[in-house]
Amino acid sequence: MAARGKEPQLEDLLTEQDRVLLKRRVFSLKRDSLPPIVTHNMVSDSEDPVLSQLRSVHLFNNDDDRVKIVFHPEFLNANNPVIGLDYEEFIRGTHLGVFPSYYEPWGYTPAECTVMGVPSITTNLSGFGCFMEDNIVNPQDYGIYIVDRRLKSAEESMDQLASFMFEFCQKTRRQRINQRNRTERLSDILDWKRMGIEYMKARQCALRRCYPDSFDDSGSFSPYDRDEHLKLSRPQSIPGTPLIGADLSTYDLAALSISAELPGVRNQEDEDHDLRPPINLKMKTPLMTPTIQTP
C-alpha cells in the first residue's frame, strides 16, 4: 500500500477484533504494584537462592533502582510465550555477558558469547579465562574482560568488575560494534581443531601423573607445540576501516581487504579507526611428549 503512494490507515493495519484484543492485553498489563522480578510463579520461592539474594539486596524494580531485574528461571526456547527466542538469538541480542565465577572448570557461556561476537566478563579462576589469558597478549582489546579473583580480595575483585562494566557502558555504539567484530574473530581460537590439541595435552598430563613410570622424558617434543609466534589470519569478510587521510595505495580495494604489511592502528580516544590487527598469541614453551614404554 505504501509502495503505491497511499498512506495506510489504522483500519487497514488492524481489524476490529485485533484492536479489541490489543486493548485487553494493555489493560491486563496495568498494575498498581511494582513490576515482578521473576517471570514465573515458582514453587517455594522463599527457598530459591537467586530470589533470596535479590531480596536481601533490596532489588525490587523500584523506580530509583539503578539495576532492574528480570529473572527467567527456564531454558530459552522459541516456543516460549514469555521470551520467544532461541538461545543463540538471545545471546546475539545482548550487549555484554557477565560471568564472574569463583570457580569454573571451563565455562561454556563466555565461550558461546565469544563465538557469537558478544564481549564477556570472566575470571582467572575459570578455564576459559585462563585459556584466553595464556594465549592472547591483551584479551581486553578483543572484548574478553578477565577479573582477577586469584590474587585480589573479594572487594578488589568487585571493584574491578564494576570498573569493567562502567568502562563498557562508556563506549559509543560504533565502538561496541567494532569490539563485537574483534570478539567474533576469536572464534578461530575456540575451534575444535585447536581445542582438541589442548584436550590431548590434558590427557597426556593426567596419564603422566597417574603412571609416571610408564613415560620416558628423554623423548622428542610434541608435534602440537610450536616455537614460532602464532598469529591468526584476518577474516577477509571483515575489512578494516581506512583512516581519514590515509594512503589508499596500502588498501586492496578490489578484495576489500587491508594489505598485510599495514600495521594496526588504535586511537585511544576513539576506537572507530581500529584496523583490526592480527591477534597476537603468546609464546608457549614446548612440552615434552611422553612415550609409553612397552614391556
C-alpha atoms as a PDB file:
ATOM      1  CA  MET A   1       0.000   0.000   0.000  1.00  0.00           C
ATOM      2  CA  ALA A   2       2.761   2.414   0.914  1.00  0.00           C
ATOM      3  CA  ALA A   3       4.633   1.417  -2.255  1.00  0.00           C
ATOM      4  CA  ARG A   4       1.634   2.608  -4.288  1.00  0.00           C
ATOM      5  CA  GLY A   5       1.862   6.020  -2.661  1.00  0.00           C
ATOM      6  CA  LYS A   6      -1.127   5.588  -0.366  1.00  0.00           C
ATOM      7  CA  GLU A   7      -0.700   6.273   3.337  1.00  0.00           C
ATOM      8  CA  PRO A   8      -2.005   3.313   5.346  1.00  0.00           C
ATOM      9  CA  GLN A   9      -4.719   3.994   7.911  1.00  0.00           C
ATOM     10  CA  LEU A  10      -5.324   2.270  11.233  1.00  0.00           C
ATOM     11  CA  GLU A  11      -8.270   0.361   9.808  1.00  0.00           C
ATOM     12  CA  ASP A  12      -6.001  -1.062   7.098  1.00  0.00           C
ATOM     13  CA  LEU A  13      -3.465  -2.384   9.600  1.00  0.00           C
ATOM     14  CA  LEU A  14      -5.683  -3.710  12.399  1.00  0.00           C
ATOM     15  CA  THR A  15      -9.124  -5.228  12.245  1.00  0.00           C
ATOM     16  CA  GLU A  16     -11.752  -4.502  14.861  1.00  0.00           C
ATOM     17  CA  GLN A  17     -11.054  -7.837  16.538  1.00  0.00           C
ATOM     18  CA  ASP A  18      -7.322  -7.077  16.645  1.00  0.00           C
ATOM     19  CA  ARG A  19      -7.941  -3.719  18.309  1.00  0.00           C
ATOM     20  CA  VAL A  20     -10.162  -5.322  20.963  1.00  0.00           C
ATOM     21  CA  LEU A  21      -7.513  -7.947  21.752  1.00  0.00           C
ATOM     22  CA  LEU A  22      -4.820  -5.271  21.927  1.00  0.00           C
ATOM     23  CA  LYS A  23      -6.844  -3.200  24.392  1.00  0.00           C
ATOM     24  CA  ARG A  24      -7.496  -6.238  26.573  1.00  0.00           C
ATOM     25  CA  ARG A  25      -3.802  -7.062  26.746  1.00  0.00           C
ATOM     26  CA  VAL A  26      -2.861  -3.468  27.539  1.00  0.00           C
ATOM     27  CA  PHE A  27      -5.369  -3.342  30.380  1.00  0.00           C
ATOM     28  CA  SER A  28      -4.249  -6.736  31.689  1.00  0.00           C
ATOM     29  CA  LEU A  29      -0.677  -5.465  31.971  1.00  0.00           C
ATOM     30  CA  LYS A  30      -1.643  -2.454  34.069  1.00  0.00           C
ATOM     31  CA  ARG A  31      -0.826  -2.835  37.742  1.00  0.00           C
ATOM     32  CA  ASP A  32      -0.505  -0.664  40.815  1.00  0.00           C
ATOM     33  CA  SER A  33       2.313  -2.734  42.305  1.00  0.00           C
ATOM     34  CA  LEU A  34       5.962  -2.906  41.233  1.00  0.00           C
ATOM     35  CA  PRO A  35       6.931  -4.992  38.187  1.00  0.00           C
ATOM     36  CA  PRO A  36       7.785  -8.540  39.255  1.00  0.00           C
ATOM     37  CA  ILE A  37      11.421  -9.590  39.330  1.00  0.00           C
ATOM     38  CA  VAL A  38      10.642 -13.145  38.194  1.00  0.00           C
ATOM     39  CA  THR A  39       8.673 -14.247  35.142  1.00  0.00           C
ATOM     40  CA  HIS A  40       7.200 -17.421  36.673  1.00  0.00           C
ATOM     41  CA  ASN A  41       5.359 -18.454  39.807  1.00  0.00           C
ATOM     42  CA  MET A  42       7.979 -20.593  41.487  1.00  0.00           C
ATOM     43  CA  VAL A  43       7.340 -23.359  43.975  1.00  0.00           C
ATOM     44  CA  SER A  44       8.885 -22.483  47.361  1.00  0.00           C
ATOM     45  CA  ASP A  45      10.234 -19.219  46.042  1.00  0.00           C
ATOM     46  CA  SER A  46      11.350 -18.286  49.558  1.00  0.00           C
ATOM     47  CA  GLU A  47      13.960 -21.071  49.331  1.00  0.00           C
ATOM     48  CA  ASP A  48      15.269 -20.128  45.899  1.00  0.00           C
ATOM     49  CA  PRO A  49      18.889 -18.850  46.282  1.00  0.00           C
ATOM     50  CA  VAL A  50      18.609 -16.317  43.445  1.00  0.00           C
ATOM     51  CA  LEU A  51      15.401 -14.735  44.705  1.00  0.00           C
ATOM     52  CA  SER A  52      16.698 -14.777  48.270  1.00  0.00           C
ATOM     53  CA  GLN A  53      19.807 -12.874  47.220  1.00  0.00           C
ATOM     54  CA  LEU A  54      17.773 -10.350  45.212  1.00  0.00           C
ATOM     55  CA  ARG A  55      15.536  -9.706  48.206  1.00  0.00           C
ATOM     56  CA  SER A  56      18.495  -9.356  50.561  1.00  0.00           C
ATOM     57  CA  VAL A  57      19.964  -6.536  48.449  1.00  0.00           C
ATOM     58  CA  HIS A  58      16.510  -4.925  48.015  1.00  0.00           C
ATOM     59  CA  LEU A  59      16.288  -5.189  44.233  1.00  0.00           C
ATOM     60  CA  PHE A  60      12.525  -4.974  43.628  1.00  0.00           C
ATOM     61  CA  ASN A  61      12.465  -2.952  40.375  1.00  0.00           C
ATOM     62  CA  ASN A  62      11.702   0.329  42.104  1.00  0.00           C
ATOM     63  CA  ASP A  63      11.861   3.496  40.050  1.00  0.00           C
ATOM     64  CA  ASP A  64      15.063   4.562  41.804  1.00  0.00           C
ATOM     65  CA  ASP A  65      16.765   1.155  41.440  1.00  0.00           C
ATOM     66  CA  ARG A  66      19.799   1.543  39.213  1.00  0.00           C
ATOM     67  CA  VAL A  67      19.597  -2.144  38.287  1.00  0.00           C
ATOM     68  CA  LYS A  68      16.379  -3.706  37.017  1.00  0.00           C
ATOM     69  CA  ILE A  69      15.873  -7.451  37.377  1.00  0.00           C
ATOM     70  CA  VAL A  70      14.120  -9.895  35.042  1.00  0.00           C
ATOM     71  CA  PHE A  71      14.757 -13.387  36.416  1.00  0.00           C
ATOM     72  CA  HIS A  72      13.715 -16.024  33.879  1.00  0.00           C
ATOM     73  CA  PRO A  73      14.147 -19.477  35.529  1.00  0.00           C
ATOM     74  CA  GLU A  74      13.647 -21.535  32.394  1.00  0.00           C
ATOM     75  CA  PHE A  75      15.628 -22.627  29.366  1.00  0.00           C
ATOM     76  CA  LEU A  76      15.232 -20.378  26.356  1.00  0.00           C
ATOM     77  CA  ASN A  77      13.089 -21.684  23.545  1.00  0.00           C
ATOM     78  CA  ALA A  78      11.466 -20.099  20.515  1.00  0.00           C
ATOM     79  CA  ASN A  79       8.093 -21.535  21.609  1.00  0.00           C
ATOM     80  CA  ASN A  80       8.292 -19.845  24.997  1.00  0.00           C
ATOM     81  CA  PRO A  81       5.349 -17.424  25.391  1.00  0.00           C
ATOM     82  CA  VAL A  82       7.392 -15.090  27.624  1.00  0.00           C
ATOM     83  CA  ILE A  83      10.672 -14.805  25.722  1.00  0.00           C
ATOM     84  CA  GLY A  84      10.130 -16.367  22.315  1.00  0.00           C
ATOM     85  CA  LEU A  85      13.806 -16.586  21.392  1.00  0.00           C
ATOM     86  CA  ASP A  86      16.264 -19.381  20.928  1.00  0.00           C
ATOM     87  CA  TYR A  87      19.443 -19.324  22.977  1.00  0.00           C
ATOM     88  CA  GLU A  88      21.564 -18.115  20.040  1.00  0.00           C
ATOM     89  CA  GLU A  89      19.136 -15.314  19.230  1.00  0.00           C
ATOM     90  CA  PHE A  90      19.025 -14.207  22.846  1.00  0.00           C
ATOM     91  CA  ILE A  91      22.822 -14.097  23.127  1.00  0.00           C
ATOM     92  CA  ARG A  92      23.115 -12.129  19.885  1.00  0.00           C
ATOM     93  CA  GLY A  93      20.700  -9.546  21.270  1.00  0.00           C
ATOM     94  CA  THR A  94      22.720  -8.869  24.422  1.00  0.00           C
ATOM     95  CA  HIS A  95      25.479  -6.289  24.806  1.00  0.00           C
ATOM     96  CA  LEU A  96      27.712  -7.960  27.380  1.00  0.00           C
ATOM     97  CA  GLY A  97      27.903 -11.321  29.144  1.00  0.00           C
ATOM     98  CA  VAL A  98      28.870 -11.165  32.826  1.00  0.00           C
ATOM     99  CA  PHE A  99      30.151 -14.458  34.310  1.00  0.00           C
ATOM    100  CA  PRO A 100      32.357 -13.665  37.353  1.00  0.00           C
ATOM    101  CA  SER A 101      32.556 -17.274  38.557  1.00  0.00           C
ATOM    102  CA  TYR A 102      34.678 -18.049  41.574  1.00  0.00           C
ATOM    103  CA  TYR A 103      35.471 -21.431  40.048  1.00  0.00           C
ATOM    104  CA  GLU A 104      34.612 -22.873  36.644  1.00  0.00           C
ATOM    105  CA  PRO A 105      36.427 -25.878  35.110  1.00  0.00           C
ATOM    106  CA  TRP A 106      35.926 -24.387  31.661  1.00  0.00           C
ATOM    107  CA  GLY A 107      32.882 -22.147  31.232  1.00  0.00           C
ATOM    108  CA  TYR A 108      30.885 -22.605  28.047  1.00  0.00           C
ATOM    109  CA  THR A 109      28.762 -19.478  28.451  1.00  0.00           C
ATOM    110  CA  PRO A 110      31.565 -16.934  27.845  1.00  0.00           C
ATOM    111  CA  ALA A 111      32.897 -19.146  25.056  1.00  0.00           C
ATOM    112  CA  GLU A 112      29.466 -19.149  23.404  1.00  0.00           C
ATOM    113  CA  CYS A 113      29.318 -15.368  23.740  1.00  0.00           C
ATOM    114  CA  THR A 114      32.726 -15.111  22.078  1.00  0.00           C
ATOM    115  CA  VAL A 115      31.723 -17.287  19.133  1.00  0.00           C
ATOM    116  CA  MET A 116      28.631 -15.111  18.619  1.00  0.00           C
ATOM    117  CA  GLY A 117      30.604 -11.878  18.821  1.00  0.00           C
ATOM    118  CA  VAL A 118      29.407 -10.745  22.249  1.00  0.00           C
ATOM    119  CA  PRO A 119      32.021  -9.380  24.700  1.00  0.00           C
ATOM    120  CA  SER A 120      32.058 -11.058  28.083  1.00  0.00           C
ATOM    121  CA  ILE A 121      33.481 -10.767  31.580  1.00  0.00           C
ATOM    122  CA  THR A 122      35.077 -13.843  33.102  1.00  0.00           C
ATOM    123  CA  THR A 123      37.654 -14.564  35.811  1.00  0.00           C
ATOM    124  CA  ASN A 124      41.117 -16.081  36.041  1.00  0.00           C
ATOM    125  CA  LEU A 125      39.652 -18.902  38.158  1.00  0.00           C
ATOM    126  CA  SER A 126      37.730 -20.256  35.172  1.00  0.00           C
ATOM    127  CA  GLY A 127      39.203 -22.433  32.470  1.00  0.00           C
ATOM    128  CA  PHE A 128      38.058 -20.085  29.723  1.00  0.00           C
ATOM    129  CA  GLY A 129      39.605 -17.031  31.400  1.00  0.00           C
ATOM    130  CA  CYS A 130      42.917 -18.794  31.998  1.00  0.00           C
ATOM    131  CA  PHE A 131      42.973 -20.059  28.404  1.00  0.00           C
ATOM    132  CA  MET A 132      42.417 -16.587  26.975  1.00  0.00           C
ATOM    133  CA  GLU A 133      44.905 -15.047  29.388  1.00  0.00           C
ATOM    134  CA  ASP A 134      47.549 -17.600  28.381  1.00  0.00           C
ATOM    135  CA  ASN A 135      47.025 -17.314  24.627  1.00  0.00           C
ATOM    136  CA  ILE A 136      46.088 -13.681  23.967  1.00  0.00           C
ATOM    137  CA  VAL A 137      48.507 -10.846  24.631  1.00  0.00           C
ATOM    138  CA  ASN A 138      45.775  -8.413  25.693  1.00  0.00           C
ATOM    139  CA  PRO A 139      42.360 -10.116  25.859  1.00  0.00           C
ATOM    140  CA  GLN A 140      40.588  -6.911  26.899  1.00  0.00           C
ATOM    141  CA  ASP A 141      41.253  -5.397  23.460  1.00  0.00           C
ATOM    142  CA  TYR A 142      39.142  -8.205  21.996  1.00  0.00           C
ATOM    143  CA  GLY A 143      36.209  -7.969  24.384  1.00  0.00           C
ATOM    144  CA  ILE A 144      37.390 -10.534  26.956  1.00  0.00           C
ATOM    145  CA  TYR A 145      37.494  -8.860  30.367  1.00  0.00           C
ATOM    146  CA  ILE A 146      39.204 -11.055  32.978  1.00  0.00           C
ATOM    147  CA  VAL A 147      38.553 -10.275  36.640  1.00  0.00           C
ATOM    148  CA  ASP A 148      41.404 -11.218  38.955  1.00  0.00           C
ATOM    149  CA  ARG A 149      39.889 -13.440  41.638  1.00  0.00           C
ATOM    150  CA  ARG A 150      43.102 -15.348  42.262  1.00  0.00           C
ATOM    151  CA  LEU A 151      45.329 -12.667  43.797  1.00  0.00           C
ATOM    152  CA  LYS A 152      42.840  -9.939  44.686  1.00  0.00           C
ATOM    153  CA  SER A 153      40.464  -9.811  47.627  1.00  0.00           C
ATOM    154  CA  ALA A 154      36.714 -10.048  47.176  1.00  0.00           C
ATOM    155  CA  GLU A 155      36.298  -6.263  47.477  1.00  0.00           C
ATOM    156  CA  GLU A 156      39.057  -5.599  44.938  1.00  0.00           C
ATOM    157  CA  SER A 157      37.552  -8.124  42.528  1.00  0.00           C
ATOM    158  CA  MET A 158      34.136  -6.467  42.834  1.00  0.00           C
ATOM    159  CA  ASP A 159      35.679  -3.053  42.182  1.00  0.00           C
ATOM    160  CA  GLN A 160      37.454  -4.409  39.119  1.00  0.00           C
ATOM    161  CA  LEU A 161      34.222  -5.983  37.872  1.00  0.00           C
ATOM    162  CA  ALA A 162      32.383  -2.687  38.344  1.00  0.00           C
ATOM    163  CA  SER A 163      35.124  -0.789  36.517  1.00  0.00           C
ATOM    164  CA  PHE A 164      34.943  -3.190  33.566  1.00  0.00           C
ATOM    165  CA  MET A 165      31.177  -2.765  33.314  1.00  0.00           C
ATOM    166  CA  PHE A 166      31.408   1.013  33.681  1.00  0.00           C
ATOM    167  CA  GLU A 167      34.111   1.198  31.014  1.00  0.00           C
ATOM    168  CA  PHE A 168      31.943  -0.849  28.654  1.00  0.00           C
ATOM    169  CA  CYS A 169      28.934   1.419  29.255  1.00  0.00           C
ATOM    170  CA  GLN A 170      31.023   4.451  28.276  1.00  0.00           C
ATOM    171  CA  LYS A 171      31.637   3.103  24.776  1.00  0.00           C
ATOM    172  CA  THR A 172      29.776   4.579  21.852  1.00  0.00           C
ATOM    173  CA  ARG A 173      27.625   2.455  19.578  1.00  0.00           C
ATOM    174  CA  ARG A 174      30.329   2.473  16.905  1.00  0.00           C
ATOM    175  CA  GLN A 175      32.959   1.362  19.406  1.00  0.00           C
ATOM    176  CA  ARG A 176      30.760  -1.502  20.608  1.00  0.00           C
ATOM    177  CA  ILE A 177      30.228  -2.671  17.033  1.00  0.00           C
ATOM    178  CA  ASN A 178      33.972  -2.669  16.375  1.00  0.00           C
ATOM    179  CA  GLN A 179      34.581  -4.552  19.596  1.00  0.00           C
ATOM    180  CA  ARG A 180      31.977  -7.171  18.681  1.00  0.00           C
ATOM    181  CA  ASN A 181      33.749  -7.694  15.368  1.00  0.00           C
ATOM    182  CA  ARG A 182      37.062  -8.218  17.140  1.00  0.00           C
ATOM    183  CA  THR A 183      35.430 -10.573  19.661  1.00  0.00           C
ATOM    184  CA  GLU A 184      33.955 -12.738  16.931  1.00  0.00           C
ATOM    185  CA  ARG A 185      37.389 -13.116  15.383  1.00  0.00           C
ATOM    186  CA  LEU A 186      38.434 -15.066  18.481  1.00  0.00           C
ATOM    187  CA  SER A 187      36.132 -17.896  17.429  1.00  0.00           C
ATOM    188  CA  ASP A 188      39.071 -19.319  15.436  1.00  0.00           C
ATOM    189  CA  ILE A 189      40.906 -19.927  18.712  1.00  0.00           C
ATOM    190  CA  LEU A 190      37.909 -21.855  20.085  1.00  0.00           C
ATOM    191  CA  ASP A 191      37.655 -24.074  17.020  1.00  0.00           C
ATOM    192  CA  TRP A 192      37.839 -27.783  17.782  1.00  0.00           C
ATOM    193  CA  LYS A 193      40.957 -28.098  15.605  1.00  0.00           C
ATOM    194  CA  ARG A 194      42.757 -26.045  18.241  1.00  0.00           C
ATOM    195  CA  MET A 195      40.811 -27.057  21.340  1.00  0.00           C
ATOM    196  CA  GLY A 196      41.242 -30.743  20.532  1.00  0.00           C
ATOM    197  CA  ILE A 197      45.000 -30.331  20.921  1.00  0.00           C
ATOM    198  CA  GLU A 198      44.503 -28.901  24.412  1.00  0.00           C
ATOM    199  CA  TYR A 199      42.364 -31.908  25.320  1.00  0.00           C
ATOM    200  CA  MET A 200      45.165 -34.212  24.113  1.00  0.00           C
ATOM    201  CA  LYS A 201      47.665 -32.308  26.247  1.00  0.00           C
ATOM    202  CA  ALA A 202      45.398 -32.565  29.296  1.00  0.00           C
ATOM    203  CA  ARG A 203      45.005 -36.311  28.768  1.00  0.00           C
ATOM    204  CA  GLN A 204      48.762 -36.774  28.478  1.00  0.00           C
ATOM    205  CA  CYS A 205      49.296 -34.725  31.631  1.00  0.00           C
ATOM    206  CA  ALA A 206      46.744 -36.854  33.534  1.00  0.00           C
ATOM    207  CA  LEU A 207      48.361 -40.097  32.324  1.00  0.00           C
ATOM    208  CA  ARG A 208      51.793 -38.834  33.307  1.00  0.00           C
ATOM    209  CA  ARG A 209      50.677 -38.063  36.839  1.00  0.00           C
ATOM    210  CA  CYS A 210      48.845 -41.364  37.289  1.00  0.00           C
ATOM    211  CA  TYR A 211      51.504 -43.571  35.633  1.00  0.00           C
ATOM    212  CA  PRO A 212      54.842 -41.716  35.869  1.00  0.00           C
ATOM    213  CA  ASP A 213      56.868 -44.915  35.418  1.00  0.00           C
ATOM    214  CA  SER A 214      55.302 -45.566  32.024  1.00  0.00           C
ATOM    215  CA  PHE A 215      56.653 -42.391  30.438  1.00  0.00           C
ATOM    216  CA  ASP A 216      60.053 -41.585  29.021  1.00  0.00           C
ATOM    217  CA  ASP A 217      61.009 -37.908  29.443  1.00  0.00           C
ATOM    218  CA  SER A 218      64.024 -38.175  27.186  1.00  0.00           C
ATOM    219  CA  GLY A 219      61.889 -38.289  24.063  1.00  0.00           C
ATOM    220  CA  SER A 220      61.108 -35.712  21.424  1.00  0.00           C
ATOM    221  CA  PHE A 221      58.925 -32.625  21.535  1.00  0.00           C
ATOM    222  CA  SER A 222      55.218 -32.747  20.984  1.00  0.00           C
ATOM    223  CA  PRO A 223      54.141 -32.095  17.392  1.00  0.00           C
ATOM    224  CA  TYR A 224      51.300 -29.996  18.775  1.00  0.00           C
ATOM    225  CA  ASP A 225      53.642 -27.384  20.293  1.00  0.00           C
ATOM    226  CA  ARG A 226      55.135 -24.622  18.180  1.00  0.00           C
ATOM    227  CA  ASP A 227      58.045 -22.339  18.879  1.00  0.00           C
ATOM    228  CA  GLU A 228      57.067 -19.552  16.497  1.00  0.00           C
ATOM    229  CA  HIS A 229      54.908 -16.572  17.358  1.00  0.00           C
ATOM    230  CA  LEU A 230      51.408 -17.563  16.268  1.00  0.00           C
ATOM    231  CA  LYS A 231      49.027 -15.104  14.626  1.00  0.00           C
ATOM    232  CA  LEU A 232      45.525 -15.730  13.368  1.00  0.00           C
ATOM    233  CA  SER A 233      44.726 -14.535   9.884  1.00  0.00           C
ATOM    234  CA  ARG A 234      42.435 -11.552   9.490  1.00  0.00           C
ATOM    235  CA  PRO A 235      38.938 -12.528   8.230  1.00  0.00           C
ATOM    236  CA  GLN A 236      38.533 -11.450   4.628  1.00  0.00           C
ATOM    237  CA  SER A 237      34.825 -10.881   5.184  1.00  0.00           C
ATOM    238  CA  ILE A 238      35.505  -8.077   7.673  1.00  0.00           C
ATOM    239  CA  PRO A 239      37.639  -5.391   6.027  1.00  0.00           C
ATOM    240  CA  GLY A 240      39.257  -2.753   8.156  1.00  0.00           C
ATOM    241  CA  THR A 241      38.092   0.853   8.261  1.00  0.00           C
ATOM    242  CA  PRO A 242      40.530   3.166   6.422  1.00  0.00           C
ATOM    243  CA  LEU A 243      41.820   6.098   8.413  1.00  0.00           C
ATOM    244  CA  ILE A 244      40.906   9.595   7.281  1.00  0.00           C
ATOM    245  CA  GLY A 245      43.769  10.925   5.204  1.00  0.00           C
ATOM    246  CA  ALA A 246      45.495   7.543   4.998  1.00  0.00           C
ATOM    247  CA  ASP A 247      47.340   6.470   1.873  1.00  0.00           C
ATOM    248  CA  LEU A 248      44.803   4.451  -0.130  1.00  0.00           C
ATOM    249  CA  SER A 249      47.603   2.711  -2.005  1.00  0.00           C
ATOM    250  CA  THR A 250      48.042   0.424   1.002  1.00  0.00           C
ATOM    251  CA  TYR A 251      44.494  -0.879   0.598  1.00  0.00           C
ATOM    252  CA  ASP A 252      43.413  -3.624  -1.730  1.00  0.00           C
ATOM    253  CA  LEU A 253      40.164  -2.049  -2.852  1.00  0.00           C
ATOM    254  CA  ALA A 254      39.369  -4.881  -5.229  1.00  0.00           C
ATOM    255  CA  ALA A 255      39.376  -7.501  -2.483  1.00  0.00           C
ATOM    256  CA  LEU A 256      38.118  -5.067   0.180  1.00  0.00           C
ATOM    257  CA  SER A 257      40.953  -6.065   2.489  1.00  0.00           C
ATOM    258  CA  ILE A 258      43.910  -4.310   4.071  1.00  0.00           C
ATOM    259  CA  SER A 259      47.437  -5.068   2.992  1.00  0.00           C
ATOM    260  CA  ALA A 260      49.187  -7.465   5.324  1.00  0.00           C
ATOM    261  CA  GLU A 261      52.107  -5.074   5.670  1.00  0.00           C
ATOM    262  CA  LEU A 262      49.922  -2.321   7.110  1.00  0.00           C
ATOM    263  CA  PRO A 263      50.268  -2.290  10.916  1.00  0.00           C
ATOM    264  CA  GLY A 264      47.175  -1.979  13.055  1.00  0.00           C
ATOM    265  CA  VAL A 265      46.450   1.473  14.421  1.00  0.00           C
ATOM    266  CA  ARG A 266      44.441   2.101  17.534  1.00  0.00           C
ATOM    267  CA  ASN A 267      43.289   5.527  18.641  1.00  0.00           C
ATOM    268  CA  GLN A 268      42.988   5.710  22.426  1.00  0.00           C
ATOM    269  CA  GLU A 269      40.251   8.327  22.326  1.00  0.00           C
ATOM    270  CA  ASP A 270      38.137   6.696  19.649  1.00  0.00           C
ATOM    271  CA  GLU A 271      38.243   3.049  18.617  1.00  0.00           C
ATOM    272  CA  ASP A 272      36.297   3.697  15.420  1.00  0.00           C
ATOM    273  CA  HIS A 273      39.569   3.752  13.464  1.00  0.00           C
ATOM    274  CA  ASP A 274      40.583   0.278  14.542  1.00  0.00           C
ATOM    275  CA  LEU A 275      42.252  -1.563  11.650  1.00  0.00           C
ATOM    276  CA  ARG A 276      41.789  -4.970  13.283  1.00  0.00           C
ATOM    277  CA  PRO A 277      45.417  -6.114  13.610  1.00  0.00           C
ATOM    278  CA  PRO A 278      46.138  -9.833  13.745  1.00  0.00           C
ATOM    279  CA  ILE A 279      45.640 -11.418  17.150  1.00  0.00           C
ATOM    280  CA  ASN A 280      48.986 -11.792  18.899  1.00  0.00           C
ATOM    281  CA  LEU A 281      49.239 -15.156  20.587  1.00  0.00           C
ATOM    282  CA  LYS A 282      51.667 -15.616  23.437  1.00  0.00           C
ATOM    283  CA  MET A 283      54.767 -17.759  23.015  1.00  0.00           C
ATOM    284  CA  LYS A 284      54.494 -21.190  24.544  1.00  0.00           C
ATOM    285  CA  THR A 285      57.329 -23.308  25.902  1.00  0.00           C
ATOM    286  CA  PRO A 286      57.345 -26.692  24.118  1.00  0.00           C
ATOM    287  CA  LEU A 287      56.354 -29.590  26.324  1.00  0.00           C
ATOM    288  CA  MET A 288      57.970 -32.986  26.328  1.00  0.00           C
ATOM    289  CA  THR A 289      55.925 -35.647  24.602  1.00  0.00           C
ATOM    290  CA  PRO A 290      55.541 -38.689  26.843  1.00  0.00           C
ATOM    291  CA  THR A 291      56.446 -42.043  25.338  1.00  0.00           C
ATOM    292  CA  ILE A 292      54.764 -45.087  26.839  1.00  0.00           C
ATOM    293  CA  GLN A 293      57.221 -47.900  27.387  1.00  0.00           C
ATOM    294  CA  THR A 294      56.074 -51.305  26.284  1.00  0.00           C
ATOM    295  CA  PRO A 295      57.256 -54.359  28.216  1.00  0.00           C
END
